Amino acid sequence: MILATPEAIDELRGLARQWLEDNGLGARRFATDLLLCEGLNNAMIHGCGDDPTRTIACELRRGRKWFSITIDDGGPGFDWAARQKQCARPQDDSGRGLSIYRLYADEVRFNRPGSQVVLRCLLKSKSNVNHTD
């Protein structure tokens, strides 16, 4: 659990980068950091309403074929099913989260209310976009 603040999010992203290295996933650093940044910022802004006293749960797990990021803000959620087909316009300053999830994760799942997202990435994905620094 972290506080819903930009500082706590930055600290968690740093820990996640180290976790990736420790788990042999350093080549996935860019994509994973982007997914974490997007998911945690959405949780802070939308799920926690920019309330720095609220908390966000985040878990990274590695299996034999997958690694996953789970983010839960405990907020009211959103109608993720209705937004699946929407695309942000170039002039929009928000609304790109689902597109980023679909591009950098192999599987995207939400709980029913939309307050939790699970982003799963194949360890040897052919369809996933992999970037390194």
Protein backbone atom coordinates (compact mmCIF):
# COMPACT_ATOMS: atom_id res chain seq x y z
CA MET A 1 0.00 0.00 0.00
CA ILE A 2 1.20 3.47 -0.82
CA LEU A 3 -0.28 6.89 -0.21
CA ALA A 4 -2.00 8.40 -3.23
CA THR A 5 0.71 11.02 -3.81
CA PRO A 6 3.08 11.67 -6.72
CA GLU A 7 6.06 11.18 -4.40
CA ALA A 8 4.88 7.75 -3.26
CA ILE A 9 4.19 6.75 -6.86
CA ASP A 10 7.70 7.80 -7.93
CA GLU A 11 9.22 5.84 -5.05
CA LEU A 12 7.22 2.73 -5.95
CA ARG A 13 8.27 3.03 -9.60
CA GLY A 14 11.90 3.06 -8.47
CA LEU A 15 11.34 -0.06 -6.38
CA ALA A 16 9.61 -1.70 -9.35
CA ARG A 17 12.60 -0.98 -11.60
CA GLN A 18 14.83 -2.76 -9.09
CA TRP A 19 12.32 -5.64 -8.85
CA LEU A 20 12.44 -6.02 -12.64
CA GLU A 21 16.24 -6.21 -12.59
CA ASP A 22 16.20 -8.68 -9.70
CA ASN A 23 13.73 -10.90 -11.58
CA GLY A 24 15.57 -10.89 -14.91
CA LEU A 25 13.07 -8.53 -16.53
CA GLY A 26 15.28 -5.50 -17.06
CA ALA A 27 14.49 -5.46 -20.79
CA ARG A 28 10.84 -4.81 -19.86
CA ARG A 29 11.67 -1.73 -17.80
CA PHE A 30 10.27 0.90 -20.19
CA ALA A 31 6.96 -0.85 -20.84
CA THR A 32 6.46 -1.78 -17.20
CA ASP A 33 7.29 1.70 -15.97
CA LEU A 34 4.82 3.18 -18.45
CA LEU A 35 2.07 0.77 -17.35
CA LEU A 36 2.78 1.51 -13.68
CA CYS A 37 2.90 5.25 -14.22
CA GLU A 38 -0.41 5.26 -16.08
CA GLY A 39 -2.18 2.89 -13.70
CA LEU A 40 -0.95 4.51 -10.50
CA ASN A 41 -1.67 8.04 -11.71
CA ASN A 42 -5.18 6.99 -12.75
CA ALA A 43 -5.68 5.43 -9.31
CA MET A 44 -4.44 8.59 -7.58
CA ILE A 45 -6.45 11.05 -9.68
CA HIS A 46 -9.65 9.17 -10.42
CA GLY A 47 -9.95 6.41 -7.82
CA CYS A 48 -8.62 8.39 -4.85
CA GLY A 49 -9.86 11.78 -6.05
CA ASP A 50 -6.41 13.34 -5.53
CA ASP A 51 -6.83 12.78 -1.78
CA PRO A 52 -3.30 12.25 -0.40
CA THR A 53 -4.67 10.44 2.67
CA ARG A 54 -6.10 7.62 0.55
CA THR A 55 -4.05 4.56 -0.38
CA ILE A 56 -3.36 2.51 -3.48
CA ALA A 57 -2.50 -1.18 -3.46
CA CYS A 58 0.00 -2.36 -6.07
CA GLU A 59 1.50 -5.79 -6.58
CA LEU A 60 4.00 -7.11 -9.11
CA ARG A 61 4.19 -10.87 -9.54
CA ARG A 62 6.29 -13.11 -11.75
CA GLY A 63 5.28 -16.56 -12.85
CA ARG A 64 6.89 -18.97 -15.28
CA LYS A 65 5.23 -17.50 -18.37
CA TRP A 66 3.75 -14.20 -17.17
CA PHE A 67 4.39 -11.27 -14.93
CA SER A 68 1.55 -9.12 -13.73
CA ILE A 69 0.83 -5.72 -12.25
CA THR A 70 -2.26 -5.37 -10.07
CA ILE A 71 -3.39 -1.89 -9.03
CA ASP A 72 -6.39 -1.31 -6.75
CA ASP A 73 -7.49 2.14 -5.59
CA GLY A 74 -10.55 1.13 -3.56
CA GLY A 75 -12.51 3.90 -5.26
CA PRO A 76 -15.91 3.79 -6.94
CA GLY A 77 -14.43 2.50 -10.20
CA PHE A 78 -15.50 3.38 -13.72
CA ASP A 79 -17.42 1.81 -16.60
CA TRP A 80 -14.39 0.26 -18.28
CA ALA A 81 -16.50 -1.80 -20.70
CA ALA A 82 -18.09 1.34 -22.16
CA ARG A 83 -14.67 2.96 -22.63
CA GLN A 84 -12.98 0.02 -24.39
CA LYS A 85 -13.70 1.37 -27.86
CA GLN A 86 -13.04 5.04 -27.15
CA CYS A 87 -9.83 6.65 -28.34
CA ALA A 88 -8.37 9.91 -27.14
CA ARG A 89 -8.00 12.65 -29.72
CA PRO A 90 -4.54 14.21 -30.19
CA GLN A 91 -5.65 17.44 -28.49
CA ASP A 92 -7.02 15.63 -25.39
CA ASP A 93 -4.94 15.81 -22.23
CA SER A 94 -6.33 12.55 -20.84
CA GLY A 95 -8.01 9.35 -21.95
CA ARG A 96 -5.02 7.39 -23.24
CA GLY A 97 -4.78 4.88 -20.38
CA LEU A 98 -6.68 2.01 -21.96
CA SER A 99 -4.77 2.43 -25.22
CA ILE A 100 -1.47 2.29 -23.32
CA TYR A 101 -2.63 -0.80 -21.43
CA ARG A 102 -3.60 -2.58 -24.66
CA LEU A 103 -0.33 -1.67 -26.37
CA TYR A 104 2.07 -2.65 -23.60
CA ALA A 105 0.24 -5.49 -21.81
CA ASP A 106 -0.81 -8.79 -23.34
CA GLU A 107 -3.91 -9.03 -21.17
CA VAL A 108 -5.93 -6.31 -19.41
CA ARG A 109 -8.58 -7.19 -16.83
CA PHE A 110 -10.71 -5.04 -14.55
CA ASN A 111 -12.82 -6.08 -11.60
CA ARG A 112 -16.55 -5.53 -12.03
CA PRO A 113 -16.71 -2.00 -10.55
CA GLY A 114 -13.50 -0.93 -12.33
CA SER A 115 -11.49 -0.05 -9.22
CA GLN A 116 -8.83 -2.70 -9.88
CA VAL A 117 -6.80 -3.42 -13.00
CA VAL A 118 -4.63 -6.45 -13.65
CA LEU A 119 -2.08 -6.05 -16.45
CA ARG A 120 -0.47 -9.32 -17.52
CA CYS A 121 2.57 -9.52 -19.77
CA LEU A 122 3.95 -12.65 -21.36
CA LEU A 123 7.61 -13.07 -20.56
CA LYS A 124 8.34 -14.00 -24.19
CA SER A 125 5.68 -12.04 -25.99
CA LYS A 126 5.79 -11.74 -29.76
CA SER A 127 2.95 -9.21 -29.86
CA ASN A 128 4.14 -6.98 -27.03
CA VAL A 129 6.11 -3.85 -27.78
CA ASN A 130 9.41 -4.07 -25.89
CA HIS A 131 11.61 -1.05 -25.44
CA THR A 132 14.86 -0.64 -23.60
CA ASP A 133 16.57 2.50 -22.46
